[in-house]
C-alpha atoms as a PDB file:
ATOM      1  CA  MET A   1       7.501  -6.767 -26.771  1.00  0.00           C
ATOM      2  CA  ILE A   2      11.037  -4.854 -26.916  1.00  0.00           C
ATOM      3  CA  ARG A   3      11.792  -5.026 -23.362  1.00  0.00           C
ATOM      4  CA  PHE A   4      10.831  -8.690 -23.152  1.00  0.00           C
ATOM      5  CA  ILE A   5      12.741  -9.269 -26.717  1.00  0.00           C
ATOM      6  CA  LEU A   6      15.826  -7.565 -25.158  1.00  0.00           C
ATOM      7  CA  VAL A   7      15.413  -8.900 -21.541  1.00  0.00           C
ATOM      8  CA  ILE A   8      15.237 -12.617 -23.186  1.00  0.00           C
ATOM      9  CA  SER A   9      17.983 -12.221 -25.659  1.00  0.00           C
ATOM     10  CA  PHE A  10      20.474 -10.876 -23.247  1.00  0.00           C
ATOM     11  CA  LEU A  11      19.626 -13.493 -20.620  1.00  0.00           C
ATOM     12  CA  PHE A  12      20.228 -16.125 -23.711  1.00  0.00           C
ATOM     13  CA  TRP A  13      23.494 -14.984 -25.005  1.00  0.00           C
ATOM     14  CA  PHE A  14      24.873 -14.649 -21.046  1.00  0.00           C
ATOM     15  CA  LEU A  15      24.083 -18.099 -20.518  1.00  0.00           C
ATOM     16  CA  VAL A  16      25.569 -19.419 -23.933  1.00  0.00           C
ATOM     17  CA  LEU A  17      28.668 -16.966 -23.948  1.00  0.00           C
ATOM     18  CA  GLY A  18      29.219 -17.798 -20.251  1.00  0.00           C
ATOM     19  CA  SER A  19      29.789 -20.787 -20.604  1.00  0.00           C
ATOM     20  CA  PRO A  20      33.336 -20.796 -20.296  1.00  0.00           C
ATOM     21  CA  LEU A  21      32.736 -18.997 -17.152  1.00  0.00           C
ATOM     22  CA  LEU A  22      31.154 -21.876 -15.686  1.00  0.00           C
ATOM     23  CA  VAL A  23      34.228 -23.945 -16.523  1.00  0.00           C
ATOM     24  CA  ALA A  24      36.411 -21.491 -14.747  1.00  0.00           C
ATOM     25  CA  GLU A  25      34.216 -20.875 -11.931  1.00  0.00           C
ATOM     26  CA  TRP A  26      34.211 -24.886 -11.635  1.00  0.00           C
ATOM     27  CA  ILE A  27      38.409 -24.853 -11.604  1.00  0.00           C
ATOM     28  CA  ILE A  28      38.421 -22.251  -9.155  1.00  0.00           C
ATOM     29  CA  GLY A  29      36.104 -23.998  -6.384  1.00  0.00           C
ATOM     30  CA  LYS A  30      38.371 -27.054  -6.916  1.00  0.00           C
ATOM     31  CA  PHE A  31      41.270 -25.034  -4.878  1.00  0.00           C
ATOM     32  CA  ASN A  32      38.984 -22.023  -3.443  1.00  0.00           C
ATOM     33  CA  PRO A  33      35.630 -22.595  -2.979  1.00  0.00           C
ATOM     34  CA  ASP A  34      34.737 -18.951  -0.759  1.00  0.00           C
ATOM     35  CA  VAL A  35      36.615 -17.598  -3.850  1.00  0.00           C
ATOM     36  CA  LYS A  36      34.366 -19.086  -6.283  1.00  0.00           C
ATOM     37  CA  SER A  37      31.356 -18.014  -4.134  1.00  0.00           C
ATOM     38  CA  ARG A  38      32.012 -14.496  -4.162  1.00  0.00           C
ATOM     39  CA  SER A  39      33.066 -14.532  -7.735  1.00  0.00           C
ATOM     40  CA  SER A  40      29.733 -15.996  -9.152  1.00  0.00           C
ATOM     41  CA  LEU A  41      28.232 -13.704  -7.123  1.00  0.00           C
ATOM     42  CA  ALA A  42      29.700 -10.691  -8.544  1.00  0.00           C
ATOM     43  CA  ILE A  43      29.388 -12.153 -12.441  1.00  0.00           C
ATOM     44  CA  VAL A  44      25.636 -12.838 -12.061  1.00  0.00           C
ATOM     45  CA  ASN A  45      24.524  -9.388  -9.985  1.00  0.00           C
ATOM     46  CA  TRP A  46      26.583  -7.852 -13.150  1.00  0.00           C
ATOM     47  CA  ALA A  47      24.025  -9.940 -15.184  1.00  0.00           C
ATOM     48  CA  PHE A  48      20.711  -8.960 -13.147  1.00  0.00           C
ATOM     49  CA  ARG A  49      21.830  -5.503 -13.064  1.00  0.00           C
ATOM     50  CA  ASN A  50      21.825  -5.423 -16.923  1.00  0.00           C
ATOM     51  CA  VAL A  51      18.436  -7.444 -16.895  1.00  0.00           C
ATOM     52  CA  ILE A  52      17.200  -4.622 -14.507  1.00  0.00           C
ATOM     53  CA  ARG A  53      17.982  -1.872 -16.672  1.00  0.00           C
ATOM     54  CA  LEU A  54      16.849  -3.762 -19.845  1.00  0.00           C
ATOM     55  CA  ALA A  55      13.464  -4.208 -18.064  1.00  0.00           C
ATOM     56  CA  GLY A  56      13.312  -0.475 -17.090  1.00  0.00           C
ATOM     57  CA  VAL A  57      13.441  -1.056 -13.674  1.00  0.00           C
ATOM     58  CA  THR A  58      13.419   1.365 -11.003  1.00  0.00           C
ATOM     59  CA  VAL A  59      14.140   0.096  -7.283  1.00  0.00           C
ATOM     60  CA  ILE A  60      13.912   2.270  -4.462  1.00  0.00           C
ATOM     61  CA  ALA A  61      15.396  -0.151  -1.347  1.00  0.00           C
ATOM     62  CA  LYS A  62      14.900   0.963   2.038  1.00  0.00           C
ATOM     63  CA  GLY A  63      16.318  -0.500   5.341  1.00  0.00           C
ATOM     64  CA  GLU A  64      19.348  -2.000   4.111  1.00  0.00           C
ATOM     65  CA  GLU A  65      20.961  -0.986   6.822  1.00  0.00           C
ATOM     66  CA  ARG A  66      19.101  -3.020   9.028  1.00  0.00           C
ATOM     67  CA  ILE A  67      20.405  -6.309   7.519  1.00  0.00           C
ATOM     68  CA  PRO A  68      23.272  -7.949   9.902  1.00  0.00           C
ATOM     69  CA  LYS A  69      26.707  -7.933   8.360  1.00  0.00           C
ATOM     70  CA  ASP A  70      28.443  -9.997  10.852  1.00  0.00           C
ATOM     71  CA  THR A  71      26.343 -12.789  10.346  1.00  0.00           C
ATOM     72  CA  ALA A  72      24.266 -15.333   7.699  1.00  0.00           C
ATOM     73  CA  VAL A  73      20.753 -14.583   7.694  1.00  0.00           C
ATOM     74  CA  LEU A  74      17.578 -15.911   6.453  1.00  0.00           C
ATOM     75  CA  TYR A  75      15.604 -13.641   3.957  1.00  0.00           C
ATOM     76  CA  VAL A  76      11.729 -14.351   3.670  1.00  0.00           C
ATOM     77  CA  GLY A  77      10.002 -12.159   1.338  1.00  0.00           C
ATOM     78  CA  ASN A  78       6.547 -12.010  -0.135  1.00  0.00           C
ATOM     79  CA  HIS A  79       6.675 -13.281  -4.044  1.00  0.00           C
ATOM     80  CA  ARG A  80       4.379 -12.223  -6.769  1.00  0.00           C
ATOM     81  CA  SER A  81       6.951 -12.072  -9.880  1.00  0.00           C
ATOM     82  CA  TYR A  82      10.182 -13.704 -11.376  1.00  0.00           C
ATOM     83  CA  PHE A  83      11.882 -10.179 -10.852  1.00  0.00           C
ATOM     84  CA  ASP A  84      11.694 -10.840  -6.959  1.00  0.00           C
ATOM     85  CA  VAL A  85      14.705 -12.783  -7.179  1.00  0.00           C
ATOM     86  CA  ILE A  86      16.482 -10.890  -9.715  1.00  0.00           C
ATOM     87  CA  LEU A  87      15.828  -7.725  -8.006  1.00  0.00           C
ATOM     88  CA  THR A  88      16.769  -8.640  -4.301  1.00  0.00           C
ATOM     89  CA  TYR A  89      19.617 -11.006  -5.260  1.00  0.00           C
ATOM     90  CA  VAL A  90      21.564  -8.046  -6.622  1.00  0.00           C
ATOM     91  CA  ARG A  91      21.612  -6.442  -3.095  1.00  0.00           C
ATOM     92  CA  VAL A  92      22.669  -8.988  -1.286  1.00  0.00           C
ATOM     93  CA  PRO A  93      25.954  -8.208   1.019  1.00  0.00           C
ATOM     94  CA  ARG A  94      27.475 -11.923   0.991  1.00  0.00           C
ATOM     95  CA  PRO A  95      26.888 -14.857  -0.968  1.00  0.00           C
ATOM     96  CA  THR A  96      23.533 -16.241  -0.938  1.00  0.00           C
ATOM     97  CA  GLY A  97      21.432 -19.141  -1.877  1.00  0.00           C
ATOM     98  CA  TYR A  98      17.517 -19.041  -2.604  1.00  0.00           C
ATOM     99  CA  ILE A  99      15.244 -21.866  -2.556  1.00  0.00           C
ATOM    100  CA  ALA A 100      13.779 -22.817  -5.663  1.00  0.00           C
ATOM    101  CA  LYS A 101      11.325 -25.007  -7.110  1.00  0.00           C
ATOM    102  CA  LYS A 102      12.577 -28.421  -8.347  1.00  0.00           C
ATOM    103  CA  GLU A 103      11.611 -27.857 -11.876  1.00  0.00           C
ATOM    104  CA  MET A 104      14.504 -25.124 -12.324  1.00  0.00           C
ATOM    105  CA  GLU A 105      17.116 -27.917 -11.705  1.00  0.00           C
ATOM    106  CA  LYS A 106      16.200 -29.011 -15.164  1.00  0.00           C
ATOM    107  CA  ALA A 107      17.085 -25.781 -16.902  1.00  0.00           C
ATOM    108  CA  PRO A 108      20.354 -25.863 -18.731  1.00  0.00           C
ATOM    109  CA  LEU A 109      23.241 -23.589 -17.692  1.00  0.00           C
ATOM    110  CA  LEU A 110      21.135 -21.472 -15.299  1.00  0.00           C
ATOM    111  CA  SER A 111      20.760 -24.479 -12.879  1.00  0.00           C
ATOM    112  CA  ASN A 112      24.176 -24.620 -13.095  1.00  0.00           C
ATOM    113  CA  TRP A 113      24.760 -20.747 -12.108  1.00  0.00           C
ATOM    114  CA  MET A 114      22.185 -21.501  -9.679  1.00  0.00           C
ATOM    115  CA  ARG A 115      24.213 -24.584  -7.836  1.00  0.00           C
ATOM    116  CA  ASN A 116      27.285 -22.105  -7.815  1.00  0.00           C
ATOM    117  CA  LEU A 117      25.195 -19.443  -5.737  1.00  0.00           C
ATOM    118  CA  HIS A 118      24.101 -22.146  -3.358  1.00  0.00           C
ATOM    119  CA  CYS A 119      20.429 -22.358  -4.486  1.00  0.00           C
ATOM    120  CA  LEU A 120      18.611 -25.453  -3.340  1.00  0.00           C
ATOM    121  CA  PHE A 121      15.678 -26.971  -5.560  1.00  0.00           C
ATOM    122  CA  LEU A 122      12.879 -28.091  -3.279  1.00  0.00           C
ATOM    123  CA  ASP A 123      10.128 -30.755  -4.660  1.00  0.00           C
ATOM    124  CA  ARG A 124       6.841 -29.237  -3.208  1.00  0.00           C
ATOM    125  CA  ASP A 125       5.296 -32.405  -3.319  1.00  0.00           C
ATOM    126  CA  ASP A 126       7.831 -34.737  -1.346  1.00  0.00           C
ATOM    127  CA  VAL A 127       7.662 -34.274   2.187  1.00  0.00           C
ATOM    128  CA  LYS A 128      10.825 -36.405   2.738  1.00  0.00           C
ATOM    129  CA  GLN A 129      12.650 -34.199   0.044  1.00  0.00           C
ATOM    130  CA  GLY A 130      11.600 -31.310   1.463  1.00  0.00           C
ATOM    131  CA  LEU A 131      13.036 -31.650   4.869  1.00  0.00           C
ATOM    132  CA  LYS A 132      16.472 -32.764   3.461  1.00  0.00           C
ATOM    133  CA  ILE A 133      16.465 -29.400   1.685  1.00  0.00           C
ATOM    134  CA  ILE A 134      15.672 -27.412   5.174  1.00  0.00           C
ATOM    135  CA  LEU A 135      18.691 -29.657   6.640  1.00  0.00           C
ATOM    136  CA  GLN A 136      20.788 -28.438   3.835  1.00  0.00           C
ATOM    137  CA  ALA A 137      19.712 -24.823   3.863  1.00  0.00           C
ATOM    138  CA  VAL A 138      20.734 -24.912   8.359  1.00  0.00           C
ATOM    139  CA  GLU A 139      23.938 -26.086   6.807  1.00  0.00           C
ATOM    140  CA  LYS A 140      24.306 -23.354   4.276  1.00  0.00           C
ATOM    141  CA  VAL A 141      23.665 -20.505   7.191  1.00  0.00           C
ATOM    142  CA  LYS A 142      25.808 -22.219   9.560  1.00  0.00           C
ATOM    143  CA  SER A 143      28.728 -22.164   7.400  1.00  0.00           C
ATOM    144  CA  GLY A 144      27.929 -18.250   6.660  1.00  0.00           C
ATOM    145  CA  ILE A 145      25.799 -18.253   3.311  1.00  0.00           C
ATOM    146  CA  SER A 146      22.750 -16.496   3.862  1.00  0.00           C
ATOM    147  CA  ILE A 147      19.256 -18.329   2.576  1.00  0.00           C
ATOM    148  CA  THR A 148      16.143 -16.611   0.802  1.00  0.00           C
ATOM    149  CA  ILE A 149      13.073 -18.321   0.690  1.00  0.00           C
ATOM    150  CA  PHE A 150       9.542 -17.090  -0.273  1.00  0.00           C
ATOM    151  CA  PRO A 151       7.275 -19.229   2.492  1.00  0.00           C
ATOM    152  CA  GLU A 152       4.020 -18.597   0.410  1.00  0.00           C
ATOM    153  CA  GLY A 153       5.127 -21.419  -1.929  1.00  0.00           C
ATOM    154  CA  THR A 154       4.719 -19.960  -5.250  1.00  0.00           C
ATOM    155  CA  ARG A 155       4.045 -16.825  -6.674  1.00  0.00           C
ATOM    156  CA  ASN A 156       1.038 -14.930  -5.809  1.00  0.00           C
ATOM    157  CA  ARG A 157      -1.251 -14.228  -8.421  1.00  0.00           C
ATOM    158  CA  GLN A 158      -3.391 -11.678  -6.423  1.00  0.00           C
ATOM    159  CA  PRO A 159      -2.043  -8.356  -5.648  1.00  0.00           C
ATOM    160  CA  ASP A 160      -1.830  -6.927  -2.291  1.00  0.00           C
ATOM    161  CA  CYS A 161      -2.134  -9.651  -0.270  1.00  0.00           C
ATOM    162  CA  LEU A 162      -0.364 -12.457   0.989  1.00  0.00           C
ATOM    163  CA  LEU A 163      -0.699 -16.405   0.992  1.00  0.00           C
ATOM    164  CA  PRO A 164      -0.320 -18.344   4.003  1.00  0.00           C
ATOM    165  CA  PHE A 165       3.441 -18.682   4.826  1.00  0.00           C
ATOM    166  CA  HIS A 166       4.606 -22.348   5.526  1.00  0.00           C
ATOM    167  CA  ASN A 167       6.103 -22.227   9.077  1.00  0.00           C
ATOM    168  CA  GLY A 168       8.604 -25.203   8.252  1.00  0.00           C
ATOM    169  CA  SER A 169      10.455 -22.515   6.163  1.00  0.00           C
ATOM    170  CA  PHE A 170      11.559 -20.769   9.391  1.00  0.00           C
ATOM    171  CA  LYS A 171      13.283 -23.859  10.524  1.00  0.00           C
ATOM    172  CA  ILE A 172      16.401 -22.803   8.739  1.00  0.00           C
ATOM    173  CA  ALA A 173      16.585 -19.794  10.940  1.00  0.00           C
ATOM    174  CA  GLU A 174      15.511 -21.642  13.999  1.00  0.00           C
ATOM    175  CA  LYS A 175      18.092 -24.859  13.584  1.00  0.00           C
ATOM    176  CA  GLY A 176      21.032 -22.440  11.893  1.00  0.00           C
ATOM    177  CA  ASP A 177      20.523 -20.016  14.683  1.00  0.00           C
ATOM    178  CA  VAL A 178      20.447 -17.159  12.513  1.00  0.00           C
ATOM    179  CA  PRO A 179      18.020 -13.730  12.352  1.00  0.00           C
ATOM    180  CA  ILE A 180      15.279 -13.789   9.824  1.00  0.00           C
ATOM    181  CA  VAL A 181      15.023 -10.322   7.564  1.00  0.00           C
ATOM    182  CA  PRO A 182      11.560  -9.769   6.512  1.00  0.00           C
ATOM    183  CA  MET A 183      11.469  -8.345   3.048  1.00  0.00           C
ATOM    184  CA  SER A 184       8.497  -6.458   1.826  1.00  0.00           C
ATOM    185  CA  ILE A 185       8.286  -6.099  -1.804  1.00  0.00           C
ATOM    186  CA  VAL A 186       5.997  -3.915  -3.521  1.00  0.00           C
ATOM    187  CA  ASN A 187       4.855  -3.809  -7.312  1.00  0.00           C
ATOM    188  CA  THR A 188       6.824  -6.052  -9.156  1.00  0.00           C
ATOM    189  CA  GLY A 189       4.127  -7.869 -10.879  1.00  0.00           C
ATOM    190  CA  ALA A 190       3.475  -4.431 -12.737  1.00  0.00           C
ATOM    191  CA  ILE A 191       7.218  -5.363 -14.749  1.00  0.00           C
ATOM    192  CA  TRP A 192       5.803  -8.520 -16.363  1.00  0.00           C
ATOM    193  CA  GLU A 193       3.251 -10.907 -14.785  1.00  0.00           C
ATOM    194  CA  ASP A 194       0.309  -8.306 -14.790  1.00  0.00           C
ATOM    195  CA  HIS A 195       0.385  -8.012 -18.314  1.00  0.00           C
ATOM    196  CA  LEU A 196       2.217 -11.085 -19.842  1.00  0.00           C
ATOM    197  CA  PRO A 197       4.128 -11.205 -22.645  1.00  0.00           C
ATOM    198  CA  LYS A 198       4.971  -7.604 -22.392  1.00  0.00           C
ATOM    199  CA  MET A 199       7.372  -6.012 -19.857  1.00  0.00           C
ATOM    200  CA  LYS A 200       6.738  -2.331 -19.041  1.00  0.00           C
ATOM    201  CA  LYS A 201       8.633   0.444 -16.759  1.00  0.00           C
ATOM    202  CA  ALA A 202       7.757   0.471 -13.516  1.00  0.00           C
ATOM    203  CA  THR A 203       8.954   1.341  -9.829  1.00  0.00           C
ATOM    204  CA  VAL A 204       9.515  -1.409  -7.332  1.00  0.00           C
ATOM    205  CA  ILE A 205      10.168  -0.555  -3.467  1.00  0.00           C
ATOM    206  CA  ILE A 206      11.655  -3.070  -1.432  1.00  0.00           C
ATOM    207  CA  GLU A 207      12.252  -2.679   2.372  1.00  0.00           C
ATOM    208  CA  TYR A 208      14.163  -4.847   4.620  1.00  0.00           C
ATOM    209  CA  CYS A 209      12.566  -4.905   8.107  1.00  0.00           C
ATOM    210  CA  GLU A 210      13.858  -5.322  11.440  1.00  0.00           C
ATOM    211  CA  PRO A 211      15.811  -8.408  12.049  1.00  0.00           C
ATOM    212  CA  VAL A 212      13.859 -11.019  13.990  1.00  0.00           C
ATOM    213  CA  TYR A 213      15.516 -12.980  16.289  1.00  0.00           C
ATOM    214  CA  ILE A 214      13.745 -15.960  17.572  1.00  0.00           C
ATOM    215  CA  LYS A 215      15.166 -16.375  20.808  1.00  0.00           C
ATOM    216  CA  ASP A 216      13.483 -13.247  21.744  1.00  0.00           C
ATOM    217  CA  LEU A 217      10.119 -13.575  21.061  1.00  0.00           C
ATOM    218  CA  ASP A 218       7.388 -14.819  23.372  1.00  0.00           C
ATOM    219  CA  LYS A 219       6.434 -18.658  22.862  1.00  0.00           C
ATOM    220  CA  GLU A 220       2.761 -17.867  20.961  1.00  0.00           C
ATOM    221  CA  ASP A 221       4.910 -16.081  18.429  1.00  0.00           C
ATOM    222  CA  ARG A 222       7.572 -18.579  17.588  1.00  0.00           C
ATOM    223  CA  LYS A 223       4.905 -21.307  17.607  1.00  0.00           C
ATOM    224  CA  ASP A 224       3.606 -19.167  14.443  1.00  0.00           C
ATOM    225  CA  LEU A 225       6.636 -17.615  12.659  1.00  0.00           C
ATOM    226  CA  GLY A 226       4.910 -17.710   9.562  1.00  0.00           C
ATOM    227  CA  LYS A 227       1.912 -15.063  10.664  1.00  0.00           C
ATOM    228  CA  TYR A 228       4.356 -13.104  12.951  1.00  0.00           C
ATOM    229  CA  VAL A 229       7.152 -12.571   9.711  1.00  0.00           C
ATOM    230  CA  GLY A 230       3.962 -12.370   7.614  1.00  0.00           C
ATOM    231  CA  ASP A 231       2.057  -9.456   9.622  1.00  0.00           C
ATOM    232  CA  ILE A 232       5.240  -7.489   9.606  1.00  0.00           C
ATOM    233  CA  ILE A 233       5.817  -7.895   5.801  1.00  0.00           C
ATOM    234  CA  MET A 234       2.173  -6.907   5.203  1.00  0.00           C
ATOM    235  CA  GLU A 235       2.239  -3.945   7.420  1.00  0.00           C
ATOM    236  CA  LYS A 236       5.350  -2.587   5.506  1.00  0.00           C
ATOM    237  CA  TYR A 237       3.833  -3.368   1.931  1.00  0.00           C
ATOM    238  CA  ARG A 238       0.615  -1.335   2.989  1.00  0.00           C
ATOM    239  CA  GLU A 239       2.790   1.645   3.950  1.00  0.00           C
ATOM    240  CA  ASN A 240       4.689   1.343   0.860  1.00  0.00           C
ATOM    241  CA  LYS A 241       2.214   0.612  -1.861  1.00  0.00           C
ATOM    242  CA  LYS A 242       0.448   3.613  -0.335  1.00  0.00           C
ATOM    243  CA  LEU A 243       3.757   5.599  -0.906  1.00  0.00           C
ATOM    244  CA  LEU A 244       3.792   4.040  -4.506  1.00  0.00           C
ATOM    245  CA  ASP A 245       0.270   5.154  -5.280  1.00  0.00           C
ATOM    246  CA  GLU A 246       1.135   8.742  -3.810  1.00  0.00           C
ATOM    247  CA  MET A 247       4.114   9.106  -6.037  1.00  0.00           C
ATOM    248  CA  THR A 248       2.582   7.821  -8.940  1.00  0.00           C
ATOM    249  CA  ALA A 249      -0.225  10.273  -8.461  1.00  0.00           C
ATOM    250  CA  THR A 250       1.737  13.345  -8.347  1.00  0.00           C
ATOM    251  CA  LYS A 251       3.520  12.293 -11.703  1.00  0.00           C
END
């Protein structure tokens, strides 16, 4: 429980004491939105790194050199834990927004930081609003801001498997003409969700797979991008889960 209390306390005080920073970021954004994007990225990355340290998480990151540096991308990952956002956000090389559930928009102060970070809030029960959010995300990637989405649509409570990926998520890459970067994330559930409310030390492996360029795919793969990208993620997941199990066994 100590780790949980430390993490929650840190986040609470960051949001409260960081309120003046939100005002400063608002003023900066009036004059230079790009500076605001990058300064908000740096501030939140600092906060998330502290959360990772307090939670006792060790991260093994693989394949970061595969992420294109000259363009925005659509990151696509499997989703097991709230820590998926925290652990991947500190590794993005450019301003990056996340597609979040609509309920997050009601969180005071947190939602302000999320808007500063180009996050978009999706109502999964409103098809019309969902299409609007996809179009907004397309405009984001066209302007050079990467987007991250977890196409399972919710946190998967079953370990070592994927829920079906929603194909509509991939319209962001198709219409925005940006590559897809599949992210395979292993063992984030062991941090918190597997034993609520306790937080425990855990090792997580994140692998960034080879970028997927939709135009280079054949017709059948383009037709079911969810399955195509999901298969890539699951293949790496199995490899890295085996590696993690071997590492654990030798300790």
